[in-house]
Amino acid sequence: MNADNELLINLDKLHTTELGVERIKRNLSLDTDDVVDWCKTKINSDNAVITRNGKKLVCECRQLYFNGKCI
């Protein structure tokens, strides 16, 4: 199974602990309390590139900015 398909198929199973929420918020400088939903949105976006690094799946989300606006 392709890494991106595997992650997208199981996206509804994505979860974390309360400490995980705090760590993700701190590491990504997020101001939302629903980090799992934020992550799901980023993973499911058109500009997400999903690769496998050993047992881990890595999702890179790149956005283009033009005149300070995300396009």
PDB file of N, CA and C in Angstrom:
ATOM      1  N   MET A   1       0.847  -1.180   0.000  1.00  0.00           N
ATOM      2  CA  MET A   1       0.000   0.000   0.000  1.00  0.00           C
ATOM      3  C   MET A   1       0.890   1.241   0.000  1.00  0.00           C
ATOM      4  N   ASN A   2       0.528   2.229  -0.754  1.00  0.00           N
ATOM      5  CA  ASN A   2       1.256   3.480  -0.846  1.00  0.00           C
ATOM      6  C   ASN A   2       1.149   4.228   0.490  1.00  0.00           C
ATOM      7  N   ALA A   3       2.243   4.899   0.901  1.00  0.00           N
ATOM      8  CA  ALA A   3       2.276   5.578   2.194  1.00  0.00           C
ATOM      9  C   ALA A   3       1.186   6.620   2.327  1.00  0.00           C
ATOM     10  N   ASP A   4       0.983   7.426   1.275  1.00  0.00           N
ATOM     11  CA  ASP A   4      -0.039   8.463   1.381  1.00  0.00           C
ATOM     12  C   ASP A   4      -1.430   7.868   1.453  1.00  0.00           C
ATOM     13  N   ASN A   5      -1.677   6.792   0.680  1.00  0.00           N
ATOM     14  CA  ASN A   5      -2.985   6.134   0.741  1.00  0.00           C
ATOM     15  C   ASN A   5      -3.227   5.529   2.114  1.00  0.00           C
ATOM     16  N   GLU A   6      -2.195   4.935   2.697  1.00  0.00           N
ATOM     17  CA  GLU A   6      -2.319   4.308   4.015  1.00  0.00           C
ATOM     18  C   GLU A   6      -2.715   5.346   5.069  1.00  0.00           C
ATOM     19  N   LEU A   7      -2.069   6.498   5.031  1.00  0.00           N
ATOM     20  CA  LEU A   7      -2.387   7.548   5.990  1.00  0.00           C
ATOM     21  C   LEU A   7      -3.779   8.117   5.747  1.00  0.00           C
ATOM     22  N   LEU A   8      -4.117   8.381   4.512  1.00  0.00           N
ATOM     23  CA  LEU A   8      -5.421   8.965   4.199  1.00  0.00           C
ATOM     24  C   LEU A   8      -6.564   8.006   4.515  1.00  0.00           C
ATOM     25  N   ILE A   9      -6.358   6.719   4.277  1.00  0.00           N
ATOM     26  CA  ILE A   9      -7.386   5.722   4.580  1.00  0.00           C
ATOM     27  C   ILE A   9      -7.658   5.659   6.084  1.00  0.00           C
ATOM     28  N   ASN A  10      -6.608   5.834   6.888  1.00  0.00           N
ATOM     29  CA  ASN A  10      -6.737   5.728   8.345  1.00  0.00           C
ATOM     30  C   ASN A  10      -6.783   7.083   9.042  1.00  0.00           C
ATOM     31  N   LEU A  11      -7.075   8.132   8.307  1.00  0.00           N
ATOM     32  CA  LEU A  11      -7.064   9.483   8.866  1.00  0.00           C
ATOM     33  C   LEU A  11      -8.052   9.638  10.021  1.00  0.00           C
ATOM     34  N   ASP A  12      -9.174   8.939   9.960  1.00  0.00           N
ATOM     35  CA  ASP A  12     -10.168   9.037  11.036  1.00  0.00           C
ATOM     36  C   ASP A  12      -9.667   8.440  12.351  1.00  0.00           C
ATOM     37  N   LYS A  13      -8.601   7.653  12.318  1.00  0.00           N
ATOM     38  CA  LYS A  13      -8.034   7.043  13.520  1.00  0.00           C
ATOM     39  C   LYS A  13      -6.972   7.921  14.182  1.00  0.00           C
ATOM     40  N   LEU A  14      -6.634   9.041  13.553  1.00  0.00           N
ATOM     41  CA  LEU A  14      -5.601   9.930  14.078  1.00  0.00           C
ATOM     42  C   LEU A  14      -6.023  10.485  15.434  1.00  0.00           C
ATOM     43  N   HIS A  15      -5.153  10.385  16.425  1.00  0.00           N
ATOM     44  CA  HIS A  15      -5.467  10.852  17.770  1.00  0.00           C
ATOM     45  C   HIS A  15      -4.173  11.162  18.521  1.00  0.00           C
ATOM     46  N   THR A  16      -4.302  11.782  19.688  1.00  0.00           N
ATOM     47  CA  THR A  16      -3.158  12.043  20.547  1.00  0.00           C
ATOM     48  C   THR A  16      -3.646  12.163  21.987  1.00  0.00           C
ATOM     49  N   THR A  17      -2.699  12.275  22.912  1.00  0.00           N
ATOM     50  CA  THR A  17      -3.022  12.458  24.324  1.00  0.00           C
ATOM     51  C   THR A  17      -3.093  13.943  24.643  1.00  0.00           C
ATOM     52  N   GLU A  18      -3.494  14.279  25.864  1.00  0.00           N
ATOM     53  CA  GLU A  18      -3.524  15.681  26.278  1.00  0.00           C
ATOM     54  C   GLU A  18      -2.127  16.286  26.249  1.00  0.00           C
ATOM     55  N   LEU A  19      -1.128  15.510  26.681  1.00  0.00           N
ATOM     56  CA  LEU A  19       0.249  16.001  26.623  1.00  0.00           C
ATOM     57  C   LEU A  19       0.702  16.158  25.176  1.00  0.00           C
ATOM     58  N   GLY A  20       0.232  15.279  24.309  1.00  0.00           N
ATOM     59  CA  GLY A  20       0.546  15.376  22.891  1.00  0.00           C
ATOM     60  C   GLY A  20      -0.018  16.645  22.281  1.00  0.00           C
ATOM     61  N   VAL A  21      -1.228  17.025  22.696  1.00  0.00           N
ATOM     62  CA  VAL A  21      -1.848  18.264  22.222  1.00  0.00           C
ATOM     63  C   VAL A  21      -0.978  19.448  22.592  1.00  0.00           C
ATOM     64  N   GLU A  22      -0.525  19.496  23.838  1.00  0.00           N
ATOM     65  CA  GLU A  22       0.320  20.606  24.291  1.00  0.00           C
ATOM     66  C   GLU A  22       1.651  20.644  23.545  1.00  0.00           C
ATOM     67  N   ARG A  23       2.245  19.478  23.312  1.00  0.00           N
ATOM     68  CA  ARG A  23       3.529  19.418  22.614  1.00  0.00           C
ATOM     69  C   ARG A  23       3.388  19.870  21.161  1.00  0.00           C
ATOM     70  N   ILE A  24       2.332  19.422  20.494  1.00  0.00           N
ATOM     71  CA  ILE A  24       2.095  19.805  19.101  1.00  0.00           C
ATOM     72  C   ILE A  24       1.833  21.308  19.010  1.00  0.00           C
ATOM     73  N   LYS A  25       1.011  21.828  19.928  1.00  0.00           N
ATOM     74  CA  LYS A  25       0.725  23.267  19.929  1.00  0.00           C
ATOM     75  C   LYS A  25       2.008  24.070  20.113  1.00  0.00           C
ATOM     76  N   ARG A  26       2.851  23.638  21.036  1.00  0.00           N
ATOM     77  CA  ARG A  26       4.100  24.348  21.315  1.00  0.00           C
ATOM     78  C   ARG A  26       5.069  24.247  20.136  1.00  0.00           C
ATOM     79  N   ASN A  27       5.253  23.054  19.606  1.00  0.00           N
ATOM     80  CA  ASN A  27       6.230  22.851  18.533  1.00  0.00           C
ATOM     81  C   ASN A  27       5.829  23.526  17.227  1.00  0.00           C
ATOM     82  N   LEU A  28       4.528  23.638  16.965  1.00  0.00           N
ATOM     83  CA  LEU A  28       4.054  24.250  15.719  1.00  0.00           C
ATOM     84  C   LEU A  28       3.527  25.671  15.922  1.00  0.00           C
ATOM     85  N   SER A  29       3.616  26.180  17.144  1.00  0.00           N
ATOM     86  CA  SER A  29       3.133  27.527  17.479  1.00  0.00           C
ATOM     87  C   SER A  29       1.680  27.722  17.047  1.00  0.00           C
ATOM     88  N   LEU A  30       0.835  26.775  17.412  1.00  0.00           N
ATOM     89  CA  LEU A  30      -0.581  26.827  17.051  1.00  0.00           C
ATOM     90  C   LEU A  30      -1.382  27.532  18.133  1.00  0.00           C
ATOM     91  N   ASP A  31      -2.452  28.194  17.736  1.00  0.00           N
ATOM     92  CA  ASP A  31      -3.331  28.839  18.711  1.00  0.00           C
ATOM     93  C   ASP A  31      -4.704  28.163  18.768  1.00  0.00           C
ATOM     94  N   THR A  32      -4.797  26.964  18.248  1.00  0.00           N
ATOM     95  CA  THR A  32      -6.046  26.203  18.284  1.00  0.00           C
ATOM     96  C   THR A  32      -5.948  25.109  19.336  1.00  0.00           C
ATOM     97  N   ASP A  33      -7.083  24.738  19.928  1.00  0.00           N
ATOM     98  CA  ASP A  33      -7.102  23.642  20.887  1.00  0.00           C
ATOM     99  C   ASP A  33      -7.380  22.306  20.204  1.00  0.00           C
ATOM    100  N   ASP A  34      -7.899  22.344  18.975  1.00  0.00           N
ATOM    101  CA  ASP A  34      -8.211  21.111  18.253  1.00  0.00           C
ATOM    102  C   ASP A  34      -7.081  20.803  17.271  1.00  0.00           C
ATOM    103  N   VAL A  35      -5.931  20.397  17.818  1.00  0.00           N
ATOM    104  CA  VAL A  35      -4.768  20.154  16.966  1.00  0.00           C
ATOM    105  C   VAL A  35      -4.946  18.924  16.089  1.00  0.00           C
ATOM    106  N   VAL A  36      -5.719  17.960  16.544  1.00  0.00           N
ATOM    107  CA  VAL A  36      -5.942  16.761  15.735  1.00  0.00           C
ATOM    108  C   VAL A  36      -6.695  17.136  14.459  1.00  0.00           C
ATOM    109  N   ASP A  37      -7.718  17.959  14.589  1.00  0.00           N
ATOM    110  CA  ASP A  37      -8.458  18.406  13.410  1.00  0.00           C
ATOM    111  C   ASP A  37      -7.560  19.252  12.512  1.00  0.00           C
ATOM    112  N   TRP A  38      -6.727  20.107  13.102  1.00  0.00           N
ATOM    113  CA  TRP A  38      -5.780  20.922  12.334  1.00  0.00           C
ATOM    114  C   TRP A  38      -4.848  20.014  11.528  1.00  0.00           C
ATOM    115  N   CYS A  39      -4.322  18.976  12.180  1.00  0.00           N
ATOM    116  CA  CYS A  39      -3.420  18.032  11.504  1.00  0.00           C
ATOM    117  C   CYS A  39      -4.149  17.284  10.392  1.00  0.00           C
ATOM    118  N   LYS A  40      -5.371  16.845  10.654  1.00  0.00           N
ATOM    119  CA  LYS A  40      -6.146  16.135   9.632  1.00  0.00           C
ATOM    120  C   LYS A  40      -6.359  17.015   8.402  1.00  0.00           C
ATOM    121  N   THR A  41      -6.653  18.284   8.638  1.00  0.00           N
ATOM    122  CA  THR A  41      -6.859  19.216   7.526  1.00  0.00           C
ATOM    123  C   THR A  41      -5.590  19.365   6.701  1.00  0.00           C
ATOM    124  N   LYS A  42      -4.452  19.510   7.374  1.00  0.00           N
ATOM    125  CA  LYS A  42      -3.175  19.660   6.664  1.00  0.00           C
ATOM    126  C   LYS A  42      -2.823  18.388   5.895  1.00  0.00           C
ATOM    127  N   ILE A  43      -3.009  17.238   6.511  1.00  0.00           N
ATOM    128  CA  ILE A  43      -2.692  15.961   5.865  1.00  0.00           C
ATOM    129  C   ILE A  43      -3.570  15.748   4.644  1.00  0.00           C
ATOM    130  N   ASN A  44      -4.820  16.153   4.722  1.00  0.00           N
ATOM    131  CA  ASN A  44      -5.783  15.938   3.648  1.00  0.00           C
ATOM    132  C   ASN A  44      -5.723  17.026   2.571  1.00  0.00           C
ATOM    133  N   SER A  45      -4.859  18.026   2.728  1.00  0.00           N
ATOM    134  CA  SER A  45      -4.788  19.124   1.763  1.00  0.00           C
ATOM    135  C   SER A  45      -4.111  18.677   0.465  1.00  0.00           C
ATOM    136  N   ASP A  46      -4.372  19.415  -0.592  1.00  0.00           N
ATOM    137  CA  ASP A  46      -3.826  19.083  -1.907  1.00  0.00           C
ATOM    138  C   ASP A  46      -2.309  19.235  -1.979  1.00  0.00           C
ATOM    139  N   ASN A  47      -1.741  20.109  -1.147  1.00  0.00           N
ATOM    140  CA  ASN A  47      -0.300  20.348  -1.214  1.00  0.00           C
ATOM    141  C   ASN A  47       0.494  19.490  -0.238  1.00  0.00           C
ATOM    142  N   ALA A  48      -0.130  18.495   0.386  1.00  0.00           N
ATOM    143  CA  ALA A  48       0.558  17.605   1.316  1.00  0.00           C
ATOM    144  C   ALA A  48       1.341  16.532   0.555  1.00  0.00           C
ATOM    145  N   VAL A  49       2.595  16.336   0.970  1.00  0.00           N
ATOM    146  CA  VAL A  49       3.442  15.292   0.406  1.00  0.00           C
ATOM    147  C   VAL A  49       3.733  14.304   1.526  1.00  0.00           C
ATOM    148  N   ILE A  50       3.279  13.068   1.365  1.00  0.00           N
ATOM    149  CA  ILE A  50       3.410  12.046   2.401  1.00  0.00           C
ATOM    150  C   ILE A  50       4.445  11.024   1.970  1.00  0.00           C
ATOM    151  N   THR A  51       5.423  10.789   2.840  1.00  0.00           N
ATOM    152  CA  THR A  51       6.467   9.805   2.567  1.00  0.00           C
ATOM    153  C   THR A  51       6.637   8.906   3.789  1.00  0.00           C
ATOM    154  N   ARG A  52       7.288   7.787   3.575  1.00  0.00           N
ATOM    155  CA  ARG A  52       7.579   6.877   4.679  1.00  0.00           C
ATOM    156  C   ARG A  52       9.061   6.988   5.010  1.00  0.00           C
ATOM    157  N   ASN A  53       9.351   7.120   6.313  1.00  0.00           N
ATOM    158  CA  ASN A  53      10.718   7.159   6.808  1.00  0.00           C
ATOM    159  C   ASN A  53      10.846   6.059   7.857  1.00  0.00           C
ATOM    160  N   GLY A  54      11.217   4.868   7.429  1.00  0.00           N
ATOM    161  CA  GLY A  54      11.222   3.711   8.326  1.00  0.00           C
ATOM    162  C   GLY A  54       9.791   3.324   8.658  1.00  0.00           C
ATOM    163  N   LYS A  55       9.468   3.272   9.954  1.00  0.00           N
ATOM    164  CA  LYS A  55       8.106   2.964  10.381  1.00  0.00           C
ATOM    165  C   LYS A  55       7.228   4.205  10.426  1.00  0.00           C
ATOM    166  N   LYS A  56       7.830   5.381  10.329  1.00  0.00           N
ATOM    167  CA  LYS A  56       7.084   6.625  10.462  1.00  0.00           C
ATOM    168  C   LYS A  56       6.590   7.124   9.111  1.00  0.00           C
ATOM    169  N   LEU A  57       5.410   7.726   9.138  1.00  0.00           N
ATOM    170  CA  LEU A  57       4.898   8.430   7.972  1.00  0.00           C
ATOM    171  C   LEU A  57       5.133   9.913   8.212  1.00  0.00           C
ATOM    172  N   VAL A  58       5.682  10.597   7.219  1.00  0.00           N
ATOM    173  CA  VAL A  58       5.997  12.013   7.332  1.00  0.00           C
ATOM    174  C   VAL A  58       5.154  12.775   6.328  1.00  0.00           C
ATOM    175  N   CYS A  59       4.495  13.821   6.804  1.00  0.00           N
ATOM    176  CA  CYS A  59       3.660  14.654   5.942  1.00  0.00           C
ATOM    177  C   CYS A  59       4.251  16.049   5.903  1.00  0.00           C
ATOM    178  N   GLU A  60       4.594  16.507   4.701  1.00  0.00           N
ATOM    179  CA  GLU A  60       5.080  17.874   4.512  1.00  0.00           C
ATOM    180  C   GLU A  60       4.004  18.649   3.784  1.00  0.00           C
ATOM    181  N   CYS A  61       3.631  19.777   4.356  1.00  0.00           N
ATOM    182  CA  CYS A  61       2.618  20.634   3.750  1.00  0.00           C
ATOM    183  C   CYS A  61       3.262  21.959   3.386  1.00  0.00           C
ATOM    184  N   ARG A  62       3.346  22.201   2.121  1.00  0.00           N
ATOM    185  CA  ARG A  62       3.949  23.444   1.662  1.00  0.00           C
ATOM    186  C   ARG A  62       2.872  24.321   1.070  1.00  0.00           C
ATOM    187  N   GLN A  63       2.921  25.581   1.436  1.00  0.00           N
ATOM    188  CA  GLN A  63       1.954  26.533   0.921  1.00  0.00           C
ATOM    189  C   GLN A  63       2.687  27.645   0.210  1.00  0.00           C
ATOM    190  N   LEU A  64       2.081  28.137  -0.819  1.00  0.00           N
ATOM    191  CA  LEU A  64       2.660  29.231  -1.578  1.00  0.00           C
ATOM    192  C   LEU A  64       2.064  30.548  -1.107  1.00  0.00           C
ATOM    193  N   TYR A  65       2.922  31.549  -0.966  1.00  0.00           N
ATOM    194  CA  TYR A  65       2.472  32.872  -0.536  1.00  0.00           C
ATOM    195  C   TYR A  65       2.785  33.882  -1.621  1.00  0.00           C
ATOM    196  N   PHE A  66       1.837  34.743  -1.893  1.00  0.00           N
ATOM    197  CA  PHE A  66       2.008  35.804  -2.868  1.00  0.00           C
ATOM    198  C   PHE A  66       1.495  37.090  -2.243  1.00  0.00           C
ATOM    199  N   ASN A  67       2.373  38.065  -2.118  1.00  0.00           N
ATOM    200  CA  ASN A  67       2.025  39.326  -1.467  1.00  0.00           C
ATOM    201  C   ASN A  67       1.460  39.110  -0.064  1.00  0.00           C
ATOM    202  N   GLY A  68       2.031  38.156   0.669  1.00  0.00           N
ATOM    203  CA  GLY A  68       1.613  37.893   2.029  1.00  0.00           C
ATOM    204  C   GLY A  68       0.344  37.091   2.181  1.00  0.00           C
ATOM    205  N   LYS A  69      -0.246  36.632   1.074  1.00  0.00           N
ATOM    206  CA  LYS A  69      -1.476  35.849   1.139  1.00  0.00           C
ATOM    207  C   LYS A  69      -1.200  34.423   0.681  1.00  0.00           C
ATOM    208  N   CYS A  70      -1.783  33.481   1.401  1.00  0.00           N
ATOM    209  CA  CYS A  70      -1.630  32.077   1.038  1.00  0.00           C
ATOM    210  C   CYS A  70      -2.485  31.788  -0.182  1.00  0.00           C
ATOM    211  N   ILE A  71      -1.863  31.181  -1.216  1.00  0.00           N
ATOM    212  CA  ILE A  71      -2.612  30.857  -2.427  1.00  0.00           C
ATOM    213  C   ILE A  71      -2.629  29.364  -2.656  1.00  0.00           C
TER     214      ILE A  71
END
